[in-house]
Structures are given as structure tokens and as C-alpha cells.
């Protein structure tokens, strides 16, 4: 699991310039389904590339009419996707998964988190990151204690739903 802290959440909330792409997908810890995870991400990235190029064309049309838009050309779109596409080539990355993957990127930044949340597959392009699927992770830490008793030892264990 890649821990996402409140500080990192605030960084994502702060925003950057340009379009913000948020990707969410379920992942698998083991089994044959592991092979599907990179394919699923590749398809989401392909869809994101197409939608970003469509938005770039729309923005260009707006600029032609004297309206404000973001100037994002096809080479810029491909450059923006490169860090996420590198994950597809990392076999070690796919062997160490949790229940869900969240990927966030702009022309300036790239973040990903493997989290114990089984996300629905989702891709959002907006002027800020879509963080709503992360809220259950921060809603409650599910703090608990376990008292382990044996003939020779007594232990008090502390945990959360994410440990």
C-alpha cells in the first residue's frame, strides 16, 4: 500500500495549472486477474488521451473565438501521459498491489496510490482532481485493539482497518 496522508491530500486539493486527470480502478493482489490490471490501466490511459485531445480541440476553438481556454496540443497530451504509461512497463509495480489504484496527473505532476479500497473503474478530467472515491479512506481509521491471551504471554495489539 502507498500511504496517502492528509498532507498529500491537501497537495492534491491545492491544484495545478492545466487539466487534471484522475483515474481509479480495482486491482488484484494475486491470481490470474493480476494480468488484467495493466490492460485495464492501458485502456483508461487511452481513453484519457482521446478525451484530452478532444478537450484540446474544443479549447482551441474557444481561443479562436476570443474566449479563454487551455492550450494543450497532442504532443503535450502524450508527454502528460508518459509517467502513467511507465507504470505499464514495471512488472514489480503490478506484483505488489492492494485492492485499488488511484492515479492523478496534470502537465506538471504525477501521483499514484495503491490503496485498500476496491474502486470502481473511473476516469475524470476536470480543472481539479476528483477525490471523492478517496473519502472512505479518510472517513474513519477503524481503530481497534486485540487482547491476545495464552498460558505464557499476554499481549495487547493495536490496529486500524488499513493495517
C-alpha atoms as a PDB file:
ATOM      1  CA  UNK A   1       0.000   0.000   0.000  1.00  0.00           C
ATOM      2  CA  UNK A   2       1.203   3.515  -0.796  1.00  0.00           C
ATOM      3  CA  UNK A   3       0.091   5.554   2.165  1.00  0.00           C
ATOM      4  CA  UNK A   4      -1.786   8.705   1.299  1.00  0.00           C
ATOM      5  CA  UNK A   5      -1.536  11.214   4.102  1.00  0.00           C
ATOM      6  CA  UNK A   6      -3.619  14.274   4.872  1.00  0.00           C
ATOM      7  CA  UNK A   7      -0.664  16.376   3.693  1.00  0.00           C
ATOM      8  CA  UNK A   8      -0.684  14.626   0.319  1.00  0.00           C
ATOM      9  CA  UNK A   9      -4.448  15.008   0.097  1.00  0.00           C
ATOM     10  CA  UNK A  10      -4.055  18.754   0.687  1.00  0.00           C
ATOM     11  CA  UNK A  11      -1.414  18.853  -2.058  1.00  0.00           C
ATOM     12  CA  UNK A  12      -3.843  17.199  -4.457  1.00  0.00           C
ATOM     13  CA  UNK A  13      -6.562  19.642  -3.402  1.00  0.00           C
ATOM     14  CA  UNK A  14      -4.287  22.654  -3.956  1.00  0.00           C
ATOM     15  CA  UNK A  15      -4.383  22.140  -7.683  1.00  0.00           C
ATOM     16  CA  UNK A  16      -2.066  22.845 -10.556  1.00  0.00           C
ATOM     17  CA  UNK A  17      -2.451  24.544 -13.899  1.00  0.00           C
ATOM     18  CA  UNK A  18      -3.942  22.688 -16.844  1.00  0.00           C
ATOM     19  CA  UNK A  19      -6.286  19.760 -16.991  1.00  0.00           C
ATOM     20  CA  UNK A  20      -6.354  17.376 -14.030  1.00  0.00           C
ATOM     21  CA  UNK A  21      -6.774  13.670 -14.803  1.00  0.00           C
ATOM     22  CA  UNK A  22      -7.999  11.332 -12.056  1.00  0.00           C
ATOM     23  CA  UNK A  23      -8.040   7.578 -12.684  1.00  0.00           C
ATOM     24  CA  UNK A  24      -9.457   4.944 -10.349  1.00  0.00           C
ATOM     25  CA  UNK A  25      -9.510   1.206 -10.908  1.00  0.00           C
ATOM     26  CA  UNK A  26      -9.788  -2.009  -8.932  1.00  0.00           C
ATOM     27  CA  UNK A  27      -6.631  -4.117  -8.732  1.00  0.00           C
ATOM     28  CA  UNK A  28      -5.867  -7.651  -7.634  1.00  0.00           C
ATOM     29  CA  UNK A  29      -3.356  -8.889  -5.080  1.00  0.00           C
ATOM     30  CA  UNK A  30      -2.886 -12.329  -6.642  1.00  0.00           C
ATOM     31  CA  UNK A  31      -4.224 -14.780  -9.182  1.00  0.00           C
ATOM     32  CA  UNK A  32      -4.853 -14.714 -12.902  1.00  0.00           C
ATOM     33  CA  UNK A  33      -6.646 -11.376 -12.599  1.00  0.00           C
ATOM     34  CA  UNK A  34      -3.258  -9.714 -11.990  1.00  0.00           C
ATOM     35  CA  UNK A  35      -2.641  -9.855 -15.747  1.00  0.00           C
ATOM     36  CA  UNK A  36      -5.793  -7.813 -16.389  1.00  0.00           C
ATOM     37  CA  UNK A  37      -4.712  -4.860 -14.257  1.00  0.00           C
ATOM     38  CA  UNK A  38      -2.092  -3.354 -16.641  1.00  0.00           C
ATOM     39  CA  UNK A  39      -4.522  -3.831 -19.543  1.00  0.00           C
ATOM     40  CA  UNK A  40      -7.236  -2.022 -17.597  1.00  0.00           C
ATOM     41  CA  UNK A  41      -4.867   0.906 -16.885  1.00  0.00           C
ATOM     42  CA  UNK A  42      -3.746   0.980 -20.518  1.00  0.00           C
ATOM     43  CA  UNK A  43      -7.382   1.259 -21.643  1.00  0.00           C
ATOM     44  CA  UNK A  44      -8.060   4.048 -19.147  1.00  0.00           C
ATOM     45  CA  UNK A  45      -4.971   5.927 -20.366  1.00  0.00           C
ATOM     46  CA  UNK A  46      -6.058   5.502 -23.978  1.00  0.00           C
ATOM     47  CA  UNK A  47      -9.484   6.909 -23.099  1.00  0.00           C
ATOM     48  CA  UNK A  48      -7.862   9.793 -21.188  1.00  0.00           C
ATOM     49  CA  UNK A  49      -5.618  10.596 -24.163  1.00  0.00           C
ATOM     50  CA  UNK A  50      -8.597  10.712 -26.524  1.00  0.00           C
ATOM     51  CA  UNK A  51     -10.649  12.898 -24.194  1.00  0.00           C
ATOM     52  CA  UNK A  52      -7.706  15.254 -23.564  1.00  0.00           C
ATOM     53  CA  UNK A  53      -7.183  15.646 -27.301  1.00  0.00           C
ATOM     54  CA  UNK A  54     -10.907  16.351 -27.739  1.00  0.00           C
ATOM     55  CA  UNK A  55     -10.717  18.970 -24.985  1.00  0.00           C
ATOM     56  CA  UNK A  56      -7.637  20.496 -26.639  1.00  0.00           C
ATOM     57  CA  UNK A  57      -9.594  20.878 -29.888  1.00  0.00           C
ATOM     58  CA  UNK A  58     -12.538  22.429 -28.041  1.00  0.00           C
ATOM     59  CA  UNK A  59     -10.215  24.834 -26.234  1.00  0.00           C
ATOM     60  CA  UNK A  60      -8.532  25.784 -29.497  1.00  0.00           C
ATOM     61  CA  UNK A  61     -11.956  26.597 -30.944  1.00  0.00           C
ATOM     62  CA  UNK A  62     -12.715  28.740 -27.869  1.00  0.00           C
ATOM     63  CA  UNK A  63      -9.438  30.616 -28.274  1.00  0.00           C
ATOM     64  CA  UNK A  64     -10.271  31.228 -31.930  1.00  0.00           C
ATOM     65  CA  UNK A  65     -13.476  32.928 -30.776  1.00  0.00           C
ATOM     66  CA  UNK A  66     -11.553  35.081 -28.311  1.00  0.00           C
ATOM     67  CA  UNK A  67     -12.592  33.011 -25.289  1.00  0.00           C
ATOM     68  CA  UNK A  68     -10.177  31.677 -22.694  1.00  0.00           C
ATOM     69  CA  UNK A  69      -9.170  28.022 -22.976  1.00  0.00           C
ATOM     70  CA  UNK A  70      -6.231  25.784 -22.133  1.00  0.00           C
ATOM     71  CA  UNK A  71      -3.763  25.337 -24.983  1.00  0.00           C
ATOM     72  CA  UNK A  72      -2.919  21.613 -24.918  1.00  0.00           C
ATOM     73  CA  UNK A  73      -1.596  20.119 -28.158  1.00  0.00           C
ATOM     74  CA  UNK A  74      -1.297  16.397 -29.000  1.00  0.00           C
ATOM     75  CA  UNK A  75       2.448  16.208 -28.167  1.00  0.00           C
ATOM     76  CA  UNK A  76       1.681  17.831 -24.801  1.00  0.00           C
ATOM     77  CA  UNK A  77      -1.030  15.242 -24.156  1.00  0.00           C
ATOM     78  CA  UNK A  78       1.367  12.379 -24.908  1.00  0.00           C
ATOM     79  CA  UNK A  79       4.019  13.965 -22.668  1.00  0.00           C
ATOM     80  CA  UNK A  80       1.470  14.336 -19.878  1.00  0.00           C
ATOM     81  CA  UNK A  81       0.621  10.611 -20.077  1.00  0.00           C
ATOM     82  CA  UNK A  82       4.228   9.332 -20.074  1.00  0.00           C
ATOM     83  CA  UNK A  83       4.676   8.872 -16.288  1.00  0.00           C
ATOM     84  CA  UNK A  84       1.458   6.852 -16.066  1.00  0.00           C
ATOM     85  CA  UNK A  85       2.423   4.803 -19.132  1.00  0.00           C
ATOM     86  CA  UNK A  86       5.747   3.935 -17.479  1.00  0.00           C
ATOM     87  CA  UNK A  87       3.775   2.048 -14.823  1.00  0.00           C
ATOM     88  CA  UNK A  88       2.640  -0.338 -17.568  1.00  0.00           C
ATOM     89  CA  UNK A  89       6.266  -1.389 -18.129  1.00  0.00           C
ATOM     90  CA  UNK A  90       7.042  -2.020 -14.432  1.00  0.00           C
ATOM     91  CA  UNK A  91       6.439  -5.716 -13.614  1.00  0.00           C
ATOM     92  CA  UNK A  92       7.352  -5.156  -9.950  1.00  0.00           C
ATOM     93  CA  UNK A  93       4.695  -2.488  -9.673  1.00  0.00           C
ATOM     94  CA  UNK A  94       1.962  -4.923 -10.704  1.00  0.00           C
ATOM     95  CA  UNK A  95       3.159  -7.711  -8.397  1.00  0.00           C
ATOM     96  CA  UNK A  96       2.677  -5.524  -5.309  1.00  0.00           C
ATOM     97  CA  UNK A  97      -0.901  -4.328  -5.493  1.00  0.00           C
ATOM     98  CA  UNK A  98      -3.609  -3.627  -2.987  1.00  0.00           C
ATOM     99  CA  UNK A  99      -7.354  -3.536  -3.734  1.00  0.00           C
ATOM    100  CA  UNK A 100      -7.414  -0.342  -5.778  1.00  0.00           C
ATOM    101  CA  UNK A 101      -5.225   2.055  -7.727  1.00  0.00           C
ATOM    102  CA  UNK A 102      -5.691   5.831  -7.842  1.00  0.00           C
ATOM    103  CA  UNK A 103      -3.641   7.840 -10.364  1.00  0.00           C
ATOM    104  CA  UNK A 104      -3.582  11.644 -10.551  1.00  0.00           C
ATOM    105  CA  UNK A 105      -1.707  13.735 -13.100  1.00  0.00           C
ATOM    106  CA  UNK A 106      -1.515  17.136 -14.742  1.00  0.00           C
ATOM    107  CA  UNK A 107       1.040  18.549 -17.183  1.00  0.00           C
ATOM    108  CA  UNK A 108       3.119  19.419 -14.079  1.00  0.00           C
ATOM    109  CA  UNK A 109       2.713  16.494 -11.678  1.00  0.00           C
ATOM    110  CA  UNK A 110       2.075  12.764 -11.291  1.00  0.00           C
ATOM    111  CA  UNK A 111       0.892  10.826  -8.218  1.00  0.00           C
ATOM    112  CA  UNK A 112      -0.322   7.267  -7.734  1.00  0.00           C
ATOM    113  CA  UNK A 113      -1.581   5.350  -4.718  1.00  0.00           C
ATOM    114  CA  UNK A 114      -2.210   1.631  -4.204  1.00  0.00           C
ATOM    115  CA  UNK A 115      -4.920   1.592  -1.569  1.00  0.00           C
ATOM    116  CA  UNK A 116      -7.050  -0.976   0.267  1.00  0.00           C
ATOM    117  CA  UNK A 117     -10.194   0.393  -1.402  1.00  0.00           C
ATOM    118  CA  UNK A 118     -11.777  -1.586  -4.265  1.00  0.00           C
ATOM    119  CA  UNK A 119     -12.502   1.386  -6.545  1.00  0.00           C
ATOM    120  CA  UNK A 120     -14.979   1.302  -9.386  1.00  0.00           C
ATOM    121  CA  UNK A 121     -13.256   1.961 -12.710  1.00  0.00           C
ATOM    122  CA  UNK A 122     -13.452   5.718 -13.299  1.00  0.00           C
ATOM    123  CA  UNK A 123     -11.677   8.405 -15.308  1.00  0.00           C
ATOM    124  CA  UNK A 124     -12.374  12.106 -14.710  1.00  0.00           C
ATOM    125  CA  UNK A 125     -10.830  15.094 -16.490  1.00  0.00           C
ATOM    126  CA  UNK A 126     -11.522  18.429 -14.860  1.00  0.00           C
ATOM    127  CA  UNK A 127      -9.921  21.655 -13.657  1.00  0.00           C
ATOM    128  CA  UNK A 128      -9.115  19.900 -10.345  1.00  0.00           C
ATOM    129  CA  UNK A 129      -8.593  16.328  -9.159  1.00  0.00           C
ATOM    130  CA  UNK A 130     -11.642  14.162  -8.455  1.00  0.00           C
ATOM    131  CA  UNK A 131     -11.020  12.937  -4.893  1.00  0.00           C
ATOM    132  CA  UNK A 132     -14.449  11.736  -3.787  1.00  0.00           C
ATOM    133  CA  UNK A 133     -13.565   7.997  -4.149  1.00  0.00           C
ATOM    134  CA  UNK A 134     -10.776   8.537  -1.563  1.00  0.00           C
ATOM    135  CA  UNK A 135     -13.118   9.814   1.155  1.00  0.00           C
ATOM    136  CA  UNK A 136     -13.831   6.378   2.711  1.00  0.00           C
ATOM    137  CA  UNK A 137     -10.089   6.034   3.302  1.00  0.00           C
ATOM    138  CA  UNK A 138     -10.117   9.171   5.468  1.00  0.00           C
ATOM    139  CA  UNK A 139     -13.608   8.854   6.973  1.00  0.00           C
ATOM    140  CA  UNK A 140     -12.619   6.558   9.816  1.00  0.00           C
ATOM    141  CA  UNK A 141      -9.454   4.729  10.658  1.00  0.00           C
ATOM    142  CA  UNK A 142     -11.409   1.828  12.206  1.00  0.00           C
ATOM    143  CA  UNK A 143      -9.143   1.893  15.251  1.00  0.00           C
ATOM    144  CA  UNK A 144      -9.297  -1.306  17.351  1.00  0.00           C
ATOM    145  CA  UNK A 145      -7.471  -3.366  19.977  1.00  0.00           C
ATOM    146  CA  UNK A 146      -6.937  -7.123  20.295  1.00  0.00           C
ATOM    147  CA  UNK A 147      -6.129  -8.741  23.609  1.00  0.00           C
ATOM    148  CA  UNK A 148      -4.166 -11.940  22.918  1.00  0.00           C
ATOM    149  CA  UNK A 149      -4.015 -14.337  25.864  1.00  0.00           C
ATOM    150  CA  UNK A 150      -2.006 -17.537  26.121  1.00  0.00           C
ATOM    151  CA  UNK A 151      -0.603 -19.598  29.001  1.00  0.00           C
ATOM    152  CA  UNK A 152       2.788 -17.895  28.785  1.00  0.00           C
ATOM    153  CA  UNK A 153       2.049 -14.446  27.439  1.00  0.00           C
ATOM    154  CA  UNK A 154      -0.447 -11.596  27.386  1.00  0.00           C
ATOM    155  CA  UNK A 155      -0.305  -9.095  24.512  1.00  0.00           C
ATOM    156  CA  UNK A 156      -2.355  -6.040  23.637  1.00  0.00           C
ATOM    157  CA  UNK A 157      -2.308  -5.351  19.892  1.00  0.00           C
ATOM    158  CA  UNK A 158      -3.489  -2.134  18.305  1.00  0.00           C
ATOM    159  CA  UNK A 159      -4.578  -1.738  14.687  1.00  0.00           C
ATOM    160  CA  UNK A 160      -6.697   0.065  12.128  1.00  0.00           C
ATOM    161  CA  UNK A 161      -8.690  -1.245   9.225  1.00  0.00           C
ATOM    162  CA  UNK A 162      -5.709  -0.386   6.984  1.00  0.00           C
ATOM    163  CA  UNK A 163      -3.059  -2.333   8.955  1.00  0.00           C
END
